[in-house]
Amino acid sequence: MPLTVRATLCEIRDDLHALRKTVAARGQIEPIQAIDALIGVAEGEAIRAIRRIDLGA
């Protein structure tokens, strides 16, 4: 199960980065800033979740 959770977290991160690239290609600055903030929060939460998984394993 932990590998599934880890893979899902990585997929979400990758999807957010892909979304950012798409929005950046359109030159939309405000959405890029919002996505950057979301990516920062998501990556921080993912790191914490992965650490908890690793400590429990």
Protein backbone atom coordinates (compact mmCIF):
# COMPACT_ATOMS: atom_id res chain seq x y z
CA MET A 1 0.00 0.00 0.00
CA PRO A 2 2.71 2.57 0.80
CA LEU A 3 4.13 2.28 -2.72
CA THR A 4 0.69 3.00 -4.16
CA VAL A 5 0.35 6.11 -1.99
CA ARG A 6 3.84 7.25 -2.91
CA ALA A 7 3.15 6.73 -6.62
CA THR A 8 -0.13 8.64 -6.34
CA LEU A 9 1.59 11.57 -4.63
CA CYS A 10 4.23 11.64 -7.36
CA GLU A 11 1.56 11.53 -10.06
CA ILE A 12 -0.25 14.48 -8.47
CA ARG A 13 3.00 16.43 -8.35
CA ASP A 14 3.71 15.64 -11.99
CA ASP A 15 0.18 16.66 -12.98
CA LEU A 16 0.53 20.01 -11.20
CA HIS A 17 3.81 20.70 -13.00
CA ALA A 18 2.19 19.79 -16.34
CA LEU A 19 -0.70 22.14 -15.57
CA ARG A 20 1.77 24.91 -14.79
CA LYS A 21 3.53 24.41 -18.12
CA THR A 22 0.22 24.56 -19.98
CA VAL A 23 -0.84 27.76 -18.21
CA ALA A 24 2.62 29.29 -18.71
CA ALA A 25 2.43 28.58 -22.43
CA ARG A 26 -0.71 30.71 -22.52
CA GLY A 27 1.06 33.55 -20.69
CA GLN A 28 -1.40 33.69 -17.81
CA ILE A 29 0.63 35.10 -14.92
CA GLU A 30 -1.91 35.09 -12.06
CA PRO A 31 -2.90 31.44 -12.53
CA ILE A 32 0.80 30.51 -12.67
CA GLN A 33 1.36 32.13 -9.28
CA ALA A 34 -1.62 30.29 -7.81
CA ILE A 35 -0.42 26.98 -9.25
CA ASP A 36 3.10 27.62 -7.90
CA ALA A 37 1.63 28.13 -4.42
CA LEU A 38 -0.42 24.96 -4.77
CA ILE A 39 2.62 23.01 -5.93
CA GLY A 40 4.58 24.22 -2.90
CA VAL A 41 1.87 23.11 -0.49
CA ALA A 42 1.35 19.80 -2.28
CA GLU A 43 5.06 18.98 -2.33
CA GLY A 44 5.41 19.82 1.36
CA GLU A 45 2.45 17.61 2.25
CA ALA A 46 3.74 14.82 0.03
CA ILE A 47 7.15 14.90 1.71
CA ARG A 48 5.52 14.70 5.15
CA ALA A 49 3.27 11.83 4.04
CA ILE A 50 6.16 9.88 2.52
CA ARG A 51 8.20 10.32 5.71
CA ARG A 52 5.29 9.00 7.78
CA ILE A 53 4.96 6.03 5.42
CA ASP A 54 8.69 5.32 5.59
CA LEU A 55 8.74 5.53 9.39
CA GLY A 56 5.80 3.15 9.62
CA ALA A 57 7.34 0.60 7.26
